[in-house]
Protein backbone atom coordinates (compact mmCIF):
# COMPACT_ATOMS: atom_id res chain seq x y z
CA MET A 1 12.41 14.19 -3.68
CA ALA A 2 12.35 11.37 -6.22
CA LEU A 3 9.59 12.59 -8.54
CA PRO A 4 7.89 16.02 -8.60
CA VAL A 5 4.35 15.03 -9.56
CA ARG A 6 0.90 16.18 -8.42
CA ALA A 7 -0.84 12.94 -7.50
CA VAL A 8 -4.37 13.46 -6.22
CA LEU A 9 -4.00 10.48 -3.90
CA GLY A 10 -0.61 8.81 -4.33
CA GLU A 11 -0.49 5.43 -2.59
CA GLY A 12 0.82 1.89 -2.40
CA PRO A 13 4.51 1.99 -3.42
CA THR A 14 5.93 -1.48 -4.17
CA TRP A 15 9.36 -2.34 -5.53
CA ASP A 16 9.33 -4.68 -8.53
CA PRO A 17 12.71 -6.49 -8.60
CA ALA A 18 12.04 -7.87 -12.09
CA THR A 19 11.81 -4.44 -13.72
CA ARG A 20 13.78 -2.48 -11.09
CA ARG A 21 10.95 0.00 -10.87
CA LEU A 22 8.75 1.34 -8.13
CA VAL A 23 5.08 0.61 -8.82
CA TRP A 24 2.68 3.07 -7.17
CA VAL A 25 -0.82 4.41 -7.78
CA ASP A 26 -2.79 7.63 -7.87
CA ILE A 27 -6.08 6.24 -6.59
CA LEU A 28 -8.40 9.06 -7.60
CA GLY A 29 -6.37 9.90 -10.70
CA CYS A 30 -7.00 6.33 -12.03
CA GLU A 31 -3.27 5.86 -12.66
CA VAL A 32 -0.69 3.15 -12.07
CA HIS A 33 2.86 4.53 -12.16
CA ALA A 34 6.16 2.71 -12.71
CA TYR A 35 9.11 4.86 -11.61
CA ASP A 36 12.65 3.98 -12.71
CA PRO A 37 15.13 5.54 -10.26
CA ALA A 38 18.03 4.84 -12.62
CA THR A 39 16.65 7.13 -15.33
CA GLY A 40 14.00 9.21 -13.54
CA ALA A 41 11.37 8.01 -16.02
CA ASP A 42 7.84 7.48 -14.75
CA THR A 43 5.47 5.58 -17.04
CA VAL A 44 1.73 5.72 -16.44
CA LEU A 45 -1.04 3.20 -17.07
CA LYS A 46 -4.54 4.69 -17.04
CA THR A 47 -7.21 2.52 -15.45
CA GLU A 48 -10.95 2.62 -16.12
CA GLN A 49 -11.77 2.83 -12.42
CA HIS A 50 -10.26 4.21 -9.23
CA VAL A 51 -7.31 1.97 -8.38
CA GLY A 52 -6.51 1.36 -4.71
CA ALA A 53 -3.38 -0.70 -5.27
CA ALA A 54 -1.28 -2.34 -8.00
CA LYS A 55 1.20 -5.17 -7.40
CA PRO A 56 3.56 -6.99 -9.78
CA ARG A 57 2.66 -10.45 -11.10
CA ALA A 58 5.22 -13.24 -11.31
CA GLY A 59 4.89 -13.55 -15.08
CA GLY A 60 4.77 -9.82 -15.73
CA GLY A 61 1.87 -7.41 -15.63
CA LEU A 62 -0.07 -6.31 -12.58
CA VAL A 63 -2.82 -7.32 -10.19
CA VAL A 64 -4.96 -4.30 -9.28
CA ASN A 65 -7.49 -3.54 -6.55
CA LEU A 66 -10.11 -1.50 -8.38
CA ARG A 67 -13.44 0.05 -7.46
CA ASP A 68 -15.42 -3.04 -8.44
CA GLY A 69 -12.98 -5.78 -7.49
CA VAL A 70 -9.61 -7.27 -8.38
CA GLY A 71 -8.36 -7.40 -11.97
CA LEU A 72 -5.28 -8.43 -13.94
CA TYR A 73 -3.23 -6.50 -16.47
CA ASP A 74 -1.11 -8.65 -18.77
CA PRO A 75 2.31 -7.45 -19.96
CA ASP A 76 0.74 -6.33 -23.25
CA GLY A 77 -1.68 -4.04 -21.36
CA SER A 78 -4.78 -6.18 -21.85
CA PHE A 79 -7.14 -6.38 -18.87
CA ARG A 80 -9.46 -9.00 -17.39
CA TRP A 81 -11.32 -9.35 -14.12
CA LEU A 82 -10.06 -11.89 -11.60
CA ALA A 83 -12.75 -11.30 -8.97
CA ARG A 84 -15.51 -8.79 -9.68
CA THR A 85 -17.31 -7.84 -6.45
CA PRO A 86 -19.00 -4.43 -6.92
CA LEU A 87 -20.70 -2.78 -3.96
CA ASP A 88 -22.60 0.51 -4.15
CA GLY A 89 -20.54 3.43 -2.84
CA VAL A 90 -17.46 1.28 -2.14
CA ARG A 91 -14.01 1.20 -3.74
CA GLY A 92 -10.81 -0.79 -3.37
CA ASN A 93 -8.08 0.68 -1.20
CA ASP A 94 -4.68 -0.60 -0.07
CA ALA A 95 -3.68 -4.20 -0.79
CA ALA A 96 -0.65 -6.47 -0.50
CA VAL A 97 0.51 -9.87 -1.70
CA GLY A 98 0.91 -12.19 1.27
CA PRO A 99 3.38 -15.01 1.89
CA ASP A 100 0.54 -17.37 0.91
CA GLY A 101 0.53 -15.90 -2.61
CA ALA A 102 -2.91 -14.31 -2.27
CA LEU A 103 -3.79 -10.64 -2.69
CA TRP A 104 -5.12 -9.25 0.57
CA ALA A 105 -7.33 -6.45 -0.70
CA GLY A 106 -9.10 -3.84 1.41
CA THR A 107 -12.13 -1.71 0.64
CA MET A 108 -13.76 1.44 2.04
CA ARG A 109 -16.82 3.54 1.39
CA TYR A 110 -16.37 6.76 -0.57
CA ASP A 111 -18.16 8.60 2.24
CA GLU A 112 -15.91 6.85 4.81
CA ALA A 113 -18.95 5.63 6.73
CA PRO A 114 -17.99 3.54 9.76
CA ARG A 115 -17.82 -0.23 9.25
CA GLY A 116 -18.51 0.12 5.54
CA GLY A 117 -15.36 -1.66 4.33
CA LEU A 118 -13.86 -5.14 4.23
CA LEU A 119 -10.59 -6.98 3.98
CA ARG A 120 -10.70 -9.81 1.45
CA ARG A 121 -8.30 -12.56 0.48
CA VAL A 122 -8.26 -13.07 -3.29
CA GLY A 123 -6.43 -16.18 -4.47
CA PRO A 124 -4.61 -16.57 -7.80
CA ASP A 125 -7.58 -18.65 -8.98
CA GLY A 126 -10.00 -15.79 -8.22
CA ALA A 127 -11.45 -17.38 -5.09
CA VAL A 128 -12.61 -14.67 -2.66
CA ALA A 129 -12.91 -14.93 1.11
CA THR A 130 -13.85 -12.05 3.40
CA VAL A 131 -11.35 -12.00 6.26
CA LEU A 132 -12.43 -8.89 8.18
CA HIS A 133 -15.88 -7.30 8.30
CA ASP A 134 -16.87 -3.92 9.74
CA VAL A 135 -13.71 -2.10 8.62
CA THR A 136 -13.93 1.65 8.04
CA ILE A 137 -10.81 2.51 6.00
CA SER A 138 -8.86 -0.66 5.25
CA ASN A 139 -5.29 0.49 4.83
CA GLY A 140 -1.72 -0.69 5.39
CA ILE A 141 -1.05 -4.42 5.41
CA ALA A 142 2.31 -6.22 5.59
CA TRP A 143 4.00 -9.28 7.05
CA SER A 144 7.01 -9.89 9.26
CA PRO A 145 10.19 -11.16 7.53
CA GLY A 146 9.37 -14.71 8.62
CA GLY A 147 5.77 -14.43 7.46
CA ASP A 148 4.37 -15.48 10.85
CA LEU A 149 2.96 -12.05 11.78
CA MET A 150 0.54 -9.87 9.80
CA TYR A 151 0.31 -6.12 10.48
CA TYR A 152 -2.84 -4.21 9.61
CA VAL A 153 -4.27 -0.68 9.76
CA ASP A 154 -7.89 0.43 9.88
CA THR A 155 -7.09 4.14 9.87
CA PRO A 156 -9.79 5.59 12.19
CA THR A 157 -8.77 3.21 15.00
CA GLY A 158 -5.51 5.16 15.35
CA ARG A 159 -3.43 2.03 15.76
CA ILE A 160 -1.49 -0.74 14.04
CA ASP A 161 -2.83 -4.21 14.82
CA VAL A 162 -0.93 -7.48 14.56
CA PHE A 163 -2.14 -11.02 13.96
CA ASP A 164 -0.45 -14.39 14.19
CA PHE A 165 -0.41 -15.70 10.61
CA ASP A 166 -0.39 -19.27 9.31
CA GLY A 167 -2.23 -18.62 6.06
CA ARG A 168 -5.07 -17.12 8.11
CA PRO A 169 -4.82 -14.21 10.56
CA ARG A 170 -5.47 -15.14 14.19
CA ALA A 171 -5.33 -13.54 17.65
CA ARG A 172 -5.75 -9.88 16.67
CA ARG A 173 -4.16 -7.48 19.12
CA THR A 174 -2.75 -3.96 19.28
CA PHE A 175 0.83 -3.61 18.11
CA ALA A 176 1.11 0.19 18.52
CA GLU A 177 -1.09 3.17 19.28
CA VAL A 178 -0.21 5.79 16.66
CA PRO A 179 -0.18 9.57 17.33
CA GLY A 180 -2.24 10.49 14.28
CA ASP A 181 -3.98 8.73 11.40
CA PRO A 182 -1.98 5.67 10.30
CA ASP A 183 -2.05 4.91 6.57
CA GLY A 184 0.17 2.64 4.47
CA LEU A 185 2.98 0.64 6.07
CA THR A 186 5.94 -1.61 5.34
CA VAL A 187 8.12 -3.98 7.37
CA ASP A 188 11.91 -4.01 7.02
CA ALA A 189 14.34 -6.92 7.23
CA ASP A 190 14.82 -6.34 10.97
CA GLY A 191 11.08 -6.65 11.61
CA CYS A 192 10.60 -2.91 12.22
CA VAL A 193 7.26 -1.47 11.06
CA TRP A 194 7.25 1.83 9.15
CA VAL A 195 3.91 3.64 8.85
CA ALA A 196 2.95 6.88 7.06
CA LEU A 197 0.72 9.39 8.83
CA TRP A 198 -2.15 10.84 6.81
CA GLY A 199 -2.26 14.55 7.59
CA GLY A 200 0.85 14.23 9.73
CA GLY A 201 3.67 14.70 7.21
CA ARG A 202 5.69 11.94 8.84
CA VAL A 203 6.70 8.30 8.64
CA LEU A 204 7.15 6.53 11.98
CA ARG A 205 9.28 3.45 12.61
CA TYR A 206 8.34 1.01 15.36
CA SER A 207 10.64 -1.69 16.71
CA PRO A 208 9.41 -5.31 16.61
CA ALA A 209 8.32 -4.76 20.23
CA GLY A 210 6.04 -1.87 19.17
CA THR A 211 8.25 0.95 20.47
CA LEU A 212 8.51 4.16 18.41
CA ASP A 213 12.20 4.60 17.65
CA GLN A 214 12.45 6.84 14.56
CA VAL A 215 10.52 9.70 12.96
CA VAL A 216 10.99 10.73 9.32
CA GLU A 217 9.67 14.19 8.47
CA VAL A 218 7.97 14.56 5.08
CA PRO A 219 7.84 18.12 3.62
CA THR A 220 4.13 17.97 2.78
CA PRO A 221 1.36 16.92 5.17
CA GLN A 222 -0.52 14.21 3.29
CA SER A 223 1.96 11.36 3.55
CA THR A 224 0.20 8.15 2.56
CA ALA A 225 2.44 5.08 2.33
CA CYS A 226 6.04 3.88 2.22
CA ALA A 227 8.14 1.01 0.87
CA PHE A 228 11.77 0.06 0.41
CA GLY A 229 13.22 -0.06 -3.09
CA GLY A 230 16.18 0.84 -5.25
CA PRO A 231 19.55 -0.93 -5.34
CA GLY A 232 19.77 -3.36 -2.46
CA LEU A 233 16.29 -2.35 -1.24
CA ARG A 234 17.80 0.30 1.04
CA ASP A 235 15.93 3.45 -0.05
CA LEU A 236 12.61 4.34 1.56
CA TYR A 237 10.05 5.68 -0.93
CA ILE A 238 7.11 7.72 0.37
CA THR A 239 3.94 8.61 -1.54
CA THR A 240 1.88 11.73 -0.83
CA ALA A 241 -1.37 13.40 -1.94
CA THR A 242 -2.66 16.78 -3.05
CA ALA A 243 -6.09 15.81 -1.64
CA GLY A 244 -6.45 17.59 1.68
CA ALA A 245 -3.13 19.42 1.36
CA PRO A 246 -2.93 23.22 1.80
CA GLU A 247 -3.78 25.12 -1.37
CA GLY A 248 -0.63 26.05 -3.26
CA ASP A 249 1.61 23.46 -1.57
CA PRO A 250 4.15 22.85 -4.37
CA LEU A 251 5.31 19.50 -2.97
CA ALA A 252 1.93 17.89 -2.39
CA GLY A 253 1.44 14.72 -4.40
CA SER A 254 5.15 14.15 -5.02
CA LEU A 255 7.06 10.91 -4.58
CA PHE A 256 9.84 11.22 -2.00
CA VAL A 257 12.85 9.06 -1.22
CA LEU A 258 15.02 8.73 1.88
CA PRO A 259 18.28 7.12 0.70
CA ASP A 260 19.87 4.37 2.76
CA ALA A 261 17.07 4.41 5.35
CA GLY A 262 17.34 0.75 6.26
CA GLN A 263 17.12 -2.73 4.74
CA GLY A 264 13.94 -3.80 3.04
CA THR A 265 12.88 -7.21 1.82
CA ALA A 266 11.74 -8.20 -1.67
CA PRO A 267 7.92 -8.34 -1.78
CA PRO A 268 6.39 -11.50 -3.25
CA ALA A 269 4.92 -11.25 -6.72
CA PHE A 270 1.32 -12.34 -7.33
CA PRO A 271 1.37 -15.76 -9.05
CA GLY A 272 -1.94 -15.34 -10.89
């Protein structure tokens, strides 16, 4: 275990090479965390809305996928909206900065109604384009090391999809059928896809060909997302949730780490 916390819905770990910290969120707790593995310190930024994801900006600060859209925190903690797009009963969920420099930001309905979410591309200038309609729970999103493939999860489908990517996703197809509910994912330097299973207490690794070749057991059931971080980007960090976990589970909501799990790649920072 890296950090014994009680996140309601821990999510979205991302390594920030500039600060050498792991940025992650507690969506329903309205918190953005920055964990320093060198000291064990975990600093918390409280947000005014539920926060689906937070990613580092190139000049410092964060871009955040909130309930009502995408906003920016400056290094001094001041906030401003980049793209405000409120929809009744909808909140932001997982998001990622793509090789094109945009934030690819998903949404979902609070009641998880089918086809109630979207995947949007939000540029550094605040321009918004809806990329996918009729999504139920927009979740993990990541790119291959060369940036020519985009992986994507809509959790209730029970699969990881892959697109050809040239700035726009094309030719959607199934990459892997997942035995459970796929949540957040990451791609390592070898092109392997790692995905957390909501309610499954596991992280699965798939080869670039879509073959399951490794299973990581997590000691609490609500595993939510994973990312590489730490020195050399070789440690796999895994977020979890107390939401939906058995009552009295002392490990639910904690941040876990699997040392020397593989070789990650440095995620791009948001230029806006």
